[in-house]
Amino acid sequence: MDAIDKIKVKLMEKGLTGAELSRAINLSGSIYSQWNKRKSKPSPATLRKIADYLECDIIEILPDELLGDEATRVTTNSHDLSEERALLKIRPDRRAMLHATRNMTPDQVTKIAAMLDAFKEE
């Protein structure tokens, strides 16, 4: 299933529409329409905004092509989802830790990463 189909499922589960999503994250209606027609795909930054709006983990709306085996993830080049690919390679315990930092500022995440690096050196 691709990202737009997963987004539609999440919208239905929450009783929301694509128009409401578009307004909430400042998308033009034409962009959402292009996604539906498969003429374009949401960017990684937009997927993050959508996940935040839908109150779900970004992994829940990533396209299946990124959730397959390693070869599929590496050869997928529909658009740049390198950060999400990297996240999928991480062990579940580390992924949970990253999920816990999703509402932090980039500066806060950088500080936590520096602290973790210090632990690795010990």
N, C-alpha and C. Protein backbone atom coordinates (compact mmCIF):
# COMPACT_ATOMS: atom_id res chain seq x y z
N MET A 1 0.85 -1.16 0.00
CA MET A 1 0.00 0.00 0.00
C MET A 1 0.90 1.24 0.00
N ASP A 2 0.53 2.24 -0.78
CA ASP A 2 1.36 3.43 -0.81
C ASP A 2 0.95 4.40 0.31
N ALA A 3 1.72 5.47 0.45
CA ALA A 3 1.51 6.41 1.56
C ALA A 3 0.12 7.04 1.51
N ILE A 4 -0.34 7.44 0.34
CA ILE A 4 -1.64 8.12 0.25
C ILE A 4 -2.77 7.19 0.68
N ASP A 5 -2.70 5.92 0.31
CA ASP A 5 -3.72 4.97 0.75
C ASP A 5 -3.70 4.81 2.27
N LYS A 6 -2.50 4.75 2.83
CA LYS A 6 -2.40 4.63 4.29
C LYS A 6 -2.92 5.89 4.98
N ILE A 7 -2.65 7.04 4.38
CA ILE A 7 -3.16 8.30 4.93
C ILE A 7 -4.68 8.31 4.88
N LYS A 8 -5.24 7.86 3.77
CA LYS A 8 -6.71 7.81 3.64
C LYS A 8 -7.33 6.91 4.72
N VAL A 9 -6.70 5.77 4.99
CA VAL A 9 -7.20 4.86 6.02
C VAL A 9 -7.18 5.56 7.38
N LYS A 10 -6.07 6.23 7.69
CA LYS A 10 -5.96 6.94 8.96
C LYS A 10 -7.02 8.05 9.06
N LEU A 11 -7.23 8.75 7.96
CA LEU A 11 -8.25 9.80 7.95
C LEU A 11 -9.63 9.21 8.24
N MET A 12 -9.95 8.09 7.58
CA MET A 12 -11.25 7.44 7.81
C MET A 12 -11.38 6.99 9.26
N GLU A 13 -10.31 6.41 9.82
CA GLU A 13 -10.35 5.95 11.21
C GLU A 13 -10.65 7.10 12.16
N LYS A 14 -10.18 8.30 11.82
CA LYS A 14 -10.37 9.45 12.69
C LYS A 14 -11.57 10.30 12.29
N GLY A 15 -12.28 9.88 11.24
CA GLY A 15 -13.45 10.63 10.79
C GLY A 15 -13.10 11.97 10.17
N LEU A 16 -11.94 12.03 9.53
CA LEU A 16 -11.47 13.27 8.92
C LEU A 16 -11.48 13.15 7.40
N THR A 17 -11.38 14.29 6.74
CA THR A 17 -11.33 14.29 5.28
C THR A 17 -9.97 14.79 4.81
N GLY A 18 -9.71 14.57 3.53
CA GLY A 18 -8.48 15.08 2.93
C GLY A 18 -8.44 16.60 2.96
N ALA A 19 -9.60 17.22 2.80
CA ALA A 19 -9.66 18.69 2.85
C ALA A 19 -9.28 19.20 4.23
N GLU A 20 -9.74 18.51 5.27
CA GLU A 20 -9.39 18.91 6.64
C GLU A 20 -7.89 18.75 6.87
N LEU A 21 -7.35 17.65 6.38
CA LEU A 21 -5.90 17.43 6.49
C LEU A 21 -5.15 18.54 5.77
N SER A 22 -5.56 18.84 4.55
CA SER A 22 -4.90 19.88 3.76
C SER A 22 -4.89 21.22 4.49
N ARG A 23 -6.04 21.59 5.04
CA ARG A 23 -6.12 22.86 5.79
C ARG A 23 -5.22 22.82 7.02
N ALA A 24 -5.24 21.71 7.73
CA ALA A 24 -4.50 21.61 9.00
C ALA A 24 -2.99 21.73 8.81
N ILE A 25 -2.47 21.21 7.71
CA ILE A 25 -1.02 21.26 7.51
C ILE A 25 -0.63 22.22 6.37
N ASN A 26 -1.57 23.08 5.99
CA ASN A 26 -1.32 24.13 4.98
C ASN A 26 -0.91 23.59 3.62
N LEU A 27 -1.64 22.58 3.15
CA LEU A 27 -1.44 22.05 1.79
C LEU A 27 -2.49 22.65 0.88
N SER A 28 -2.13 22.89 -0.35
CA SER A 28 -3.16 23.31 -1.29
C SER A 28 -3.98 22.08 -1.68
N GLY A 29 -5.23 22.28 -1.99
CA GLY A 29 -6.08 21.17 -2.40
C GLY A 29 -5.54 20.47 -3.63
N SER A 30 -4.84 21.22 -4.48
CA SER A 30 -4.34 20.62 -5.71
C SER A 30 -3.21 19.62 -5.42
N ILE A 31 -2.44 19.87 -4.38
CA ILE A 31 -1.37 18.92 -4.03
C ILE A 31 -1.98 17.60 -3.58
N TYR A 32 -2.98 17.67 -2.71
CA TYR A 32 -3.64 16.45 -2.24
C TYR A 32 -4.28 15.71 -3.42
N SER A 33 -4.84 16.46 -4.34
CA SER A 33 -5.44 15.87 -5.54
C SER A 33 -4.37 15.17 -6.39
N GLN A 34 -3.20 15.77 -6.50
CA GLN A 34 -2.11 15.15 -7.26
C GLN A 34 -1.68 13.84 -6.62
N TRP A 35 -1.67 13.80 -5.29
CA TRP A 35 -1.33 12.56 -4.60
C TRP A 35 -2.35 11.48 -4.94
N ASN A 36 -3.64 11.85 -4.90
CA ASN A 36 -4.70 10.89 -5.20
C ASN A 36 -4.61 10.35 -6.62
N LYS A 37 -4.16 11.19 -7.53
CA LYS A 37 -4.01 10.78 -8.93
C LYS A 37 -2.65 10.12 -9.18
N ARG A 38 -1.85 10.00 -8.12
CA ARG A 38 -0.51 9.41 -8.18
C ARG A 38 0.42 10.19 -9.11
N LYS A 39 0.17 11.50 -9.22
CA LYS A 39 1.05 12.34 -10.04
C LYS A 39 2.23 12.87 -9.22
N SER A 40 2.10 12.82 -7.90
CA SER A 40 3.20 13.19 -7.01
C SER A 40 3.01 12.46 -5.70
N LYS A 41 4.01 12.58 -4.82
CA LYS A 41 3.97 11.90 -3.53
C LYS A 41 4.34 12.90 -2.45
N PRO A 42 3.87 12.66 -1.23
CA PRO A 42 4.24 13.55 -0.13
C PRO A 42 5.74 13.46 0.16
N SER A 43 6.33 14.60 0.46
CA SER A 43 7.75 14.63 0.83
C SER A 43 7.92 14.08 2.24
N PRO A 44 9.15 13.74 2.62
CA PRO A 44 9.38 13.28 3.99
C PRO A 44 8.92 14.29 5.04
N ALA A 45 9.17 15.57 4.78
CA ALA A 45 8.74 16.60 5.74
C ALA A 45 7.22 16.65 5.85
N THR A 46 6.55 16.49 4.72
CA THR A 46 5.08 16.50 4.73
C THR A 46 4.55 15.25 5.42
N LEU A 47 5.19 14.11 5.20
CA LEU A 47 4.77 12.89 5.90
C LEU A 47 4.87 13.06 7.41
N ARG A 48 5.92 13.77 7.85
CA ARG A 48 6.06 14.02 9.30
C ARG A 48 4.91 14.89 9.81
N LYS A 49 4.56 15.94 9.04
CA LYS A 49 3.45 16.81 9.43
C LYS A 49 2.15 16.02 9.50
N ILE A 50 1.95 15.17 8.51
CA ILE A 50 0.73 14.37 8.46
C ILE A 50 0.68 13.42 9.66
N ALA A 51 1.79 12.76 9.95
CA ALA A 51 1.83 11.84 11.09
C ALA A 51 1.53 12.59 12.39
N ASP A 52 2.09 13.77 12.53
CA ASP A 52 1.81 14.56 13.73
C ASP A 52 0.34 14.92 13.81
N TYR A 53 -0.24 15.37 12.69
CA TYR A 53 -1.65 15.74 12.67
C TYR A 53 -2.55 14.54 12.98
N LEU A 54 -2.19 13.39 12.42
CA LEU A 54 -2.99 12.18 12.63
C LEU A 54 -2.66 11.47 13.95
N GLU A 55 -1.68 12.02 14.66
CA GLU A 55 -1.24 11.45 15.93
C GLU A 55 -0.86 9.98 15.80
N CYS A 56 -0.01 9.73 14.80
CA CYS A 56 0.47 8.36 14.58
C CYS A 56 1.96 8.41 14.32
N ASP A 57 2.59 7.27 14.38
CA ASP A 57 4.01 7.17 14.07
C ASP A 57 4.15 7.26 12.55
N ILE A 58 5.18 7.94 12.09
CA ILE A 58 5.38 8.10 10.65
C ILE A 58 5.47 6.74 9.94
N ILE A 59 5.97 5.73 10.63
CA ILE A 59 6.10 4.41 10.03
C ILE A 59 4.73 3.87 9.59
N GLU A 60 3.68 4.28 10.27
CA GLU A 60 2.33 3.81 9.94
C GLU A 60 1.84 4.33 8.60
N ILE A 61 2.45 5.40 8.09
CA ILE A 61 2.00 5.94 6.80
C ILE A 61 3.06 5.88 5.71
N LEU A 62 4.20 5.26 6.03
CA LEU A 62 5.21 5.08 4.98
C LEU A 62 4.73 4.06 3.96
N PRO A 63 5.10 4.23 2.70
CA PRO A 63 4.68 3.27 1.68
C PRO A 63 5.29 1.89 1.94
N ASP A 64 4.54 0.86 1.58
CA ASP A 64 5.00 -0.53 1.78
C ASP A 64 6.34 -0.80 1.11
N GLU A 65 6.61 -0.09 0.01
CA GLU A 65 7.87 -0.32 -0.70
C GLU A 65 9.07 -0.05 0.20
N LEU A 66 8.89 0.78 1.23
CA LEU A 66 9.97 1.04 2.18
C LEU A 66 9.97 0.06 3.34
N LEU A 67 8.90 -0.68 3.49
CA LEU A 67 8.79 -1.59 4.61
C LEU A 67 9.13 -3.03 4.24
N GLY A 68 9.51 -3.24 2.98
CA GLY A 68 9.85 -4.59 2.53
C GLY A 68 11.23 -4.99 2.95
N ASP A 69 11.83 -5.90 2.19
CA ASP A 69 13.17 -6.36 2.54
C ASP A 69 14.21 -5.28 2.27
N GLU A 70 15.41 -5.53 2.70
CA GLU A 70 16.49 -4.54 2.60
C GLU A 70 16.73 -4.10 1.16
N ALA A 71 16.69 -5.03 0.22
CA ALA A 71 16.93 -4.69 -1.18
C ALA A 71 15.88 -3.72 -1.69
N THR A 72 14.64 -3.94 -1.32
CA THR A 72 13.57 -3.04 -1.75
C THR A 72 13.79 -1.65 -1.19
N ARG A 73 14.12 -1.57 0.10
CA ARG A 73 14.34 -0.26 0.72
C ARG A 73 15.49 0.47 0.05
N VAL A 74 16.55 -0.22 -0.25
CA VAL A 74 17.73 0.43 -0.80
C VAL A 74 17.50 0.88 -2.23
N THR A 75 16.75 0.12 -3.02
CA THR A 75 16.58 0.47 -4.42
C THR A 75 15.39 1.38 -4.68
N THR A 76 14.57 1.66 -3.70
CA THR A 76 13.44 2.56 -3.90
C THR A 76 13.97 3.97 -4.12
N ASN A 77 13.56 4.57 -5.23
CA ASN A 77 14.00 5.94 -5.47
C ASN A 77 12.87 6.81 -5.97
N SER A 78 11.64 6.54 -5.53
CA SER A 78 10.50 7.34 -5.97
C SER A 78 10.63 8.78 -5.51
N HIS A 79 11.14 9.00 -4.34
CA HIS A 79 11.53 10.31 -3.84
C HIS A 79 12.40 10.10 -2.61
N ASP A 80 13.02 11.17 -2.14
CA ASP A 80 14.01 11.00 -1.08
C ASP A 80 13.36 10.74 0.26
N LEU A 81 13.47 9.53 0.73
CA LEU A 81 13.00 9.15 2.06
C LEU A 81 14.14 8.53 2.83
N SER A 82 15.35 9.05 2.61
CA SER A 82 16.53 8.43 3.22
C SER A 82 16.46 8.40 4.73
N GLU A 83 15.91 9.46 5.35
CA GLU A 83 15.80 9.45 6.81
C GLU A 83 14.87 8.34 7.27
N GLU A 84 13.75 8.17 6.58
CA GLU A 84 12.81 7.12 6.95
C GLU A 84 13.39 5.73 6.69
N ARG A 85 14.15 5.58 5.61
CA ARG A 85 14.81 4.29 5.36
C ARG A 85 15.76 3.97 6.50
N ALA A 86 16.52 4.97 6.91
CA ALA A 86 17.46 4.75 8.01
C ALA A 86 16.72 4.36 9.28
N LEU A 87 15.60 5.00 9.54
CA LEU A 87 14.82 4.69 10.73
C LEU A 87 14.33 3.24 10.71
N LEU A 88 13.96 2.74 9.55
CA LEU A 88 13.46 1.38 9.45
C LEU A 88 14.54 0.34 9.72
N LYS A 89 15.80 0.70 9.54
CA LYS A 89 16.89 -0.23 9.77
C LYS A 89 17.27 -0.33 11.25
N ILE A 90 16.74 0.57 12.04
CA ILE A 90 17.10 0.63 13.46
C ILE A 90 16.33 -0.42 14.25
N ARG A 91 16.98 -0.99 15.24
CA ARG A 91 16.33 -1.97 16.11
C ARG A 91 15.10 -1.35 16.77
N PRO A 92 14.07 -2.16 17.07
CA PRO A 92 12.84 -1.63 17.66
C PRO A 92 13.04 -0.81 18.93
N ASP A 93 13.98 -1.21 19.79
CA ASP A 93 14.19 -0.45 21.03
C ASP A 93 14.74 0.94 20.73
N ARG A 94 15.60 1.03 19.74
CA ARG A 94 16.14 2.33 19.36
C ARG A 94 15.09 3.16 18.62
N ARG A 95 14.27 2.49 17.82
CA ARG A 95 13.20 3.19 17.12
C ARG A 95 12.23 3.82 18.12
N ALA A 96 11.93 3.10 19.20
CA ALA A 96 11.05 3.62 20.24
C ALA A 96 11.67 4.86 20.89
N MET A 97 12.97 4.80 21.07
CA MET A 97 13.66 5.95 21.65
C MET A 97 13.57 7.16 20.71
N LEU A 98 13.75 6.93 19.42
CA LEU A 98 13.63 8.01 18.46
C LEU A 98 12.20 8.56 18.42
N HIS A 99 11.24 7.66 18.50
CA HIS A 99 9.84 8.08 18.51
C HIS A 99 9.57 9.01 19.69
N ALA A 100 10.20 8.72 20.82
CA ALA A 100 10.00 9.54 22.02
C ALA A 100 10.54 10.95 21.83
N THR A 101 11.46 11.15 20.89
CA THR A 101 12.05 12.47 20.68
C THR A 101 11.36 13.26 19.57
N ARG A 102 10.32 12.73 18.98
CA ARG A 102 9.75 13.38 17.79
C ARG A 102 9.16 14.75 18.05
N ASN A 103 8.78 15.07 19.28
CA ASN A 103 8.23 16.39 19.57
C ASN A 103 9.28 17.35 20.11
N MET A 104 10.52 16.93 20.10
CA MET A 104 11.61 17.79 20.57
C MET A 104 12.12 18.66 19.43
N THR A 105 12.76 19.74 19.81
CA THR A 105 13.38 20.60 18.81
C THR A 105 14.63 19.91 18.28
N PRO A 106 15.09 20.30 17.09
CA PRO A 106 16.33 19.71 16.57
C PRO A 106 17.51 19.91 17.52
N ASP A 107 17.56 21.04 18.20
CA ASP A 107 18.65 21.29 19.14
C ASP A 107 18.59 20.31 20.32
N GLN A 108 17.38 20.04 20.82
CA GLN A 108 17.24 19.09 21.92
C GLN A 108 17.67 17.69 21.48
N VAL A 109 17.29 17.29 20.28
CA VAL A 109 17.66 15.97 19.77
C VAL A 109 19.18 15.88 19.60
N THR A 110 19.79 16.95 19.11
CA THR A 110 21.25 16.97 18.95
C THR A 110 21.94 16.79 20.29
N LYS A 111 21.42 17.45 21.32
CA LYS A 111 22.01 17.32 22.66
C LYS A 111 21.88 15.88 23.18
N ILE A 112 20.74 15.27 22.97
CA ILE A 112 20.55 13.89 23.41
C ILE A 112 21.49 12.96 22.65
N ALA A 113 21.64 13.19 21.35
CA ALA A 113 22.55 12.37 20.55
C ALA A 113 23.98 12.50 21.06
N ALA A 114 24.38 13.71 21.43
CA ALA A 114 25.73 13.91 21.97
C ALA A 114 25.91 13.15 23.28
N MET A 115 24.87 13.15 24.11
CA MET A 115 24.94 12.41 25.38
C MET A 115 25.07 10.92 25.12
N LEU A 116 24.32 10.41 24.15
CA LEU A 116 24.41 8.99 23.82
C LEU A 116 25.78 8.63 23.26
N ASP A 117 26.33 9.52 22.44
CA ASP A 117 27.68 9.28 21.92
C ASP A 117 28.70 9.19 23.05
N ALA A 118 28.52 10.02 24.07
CA ALA A 118 29.43 9.99 25.22
C ALA A 118 29.35 8.63 25.93
N PHE A 119 28.14 8.06 26.03
CA PHE A 119 27.99 6.74 26.65
C PHE A 119 28.68 5.66 25.82
N LYS A 120 28.63 5.79 24.49
CA LYS A 120 29.28 4.79 23.64
C LYS A 120 30.77 4.77 23.84
N GLU A 121 31.34 5.91 24.15
CA GLU A 121 32.79 6.01 24.32
C GLU A 121 33.27 5.42 25.63
N GLU A 122 32.36 5.27 26.59
CA GLU A 122 32.76 4.75 27.91
C GLU A 122 32.99 3.27 27.88
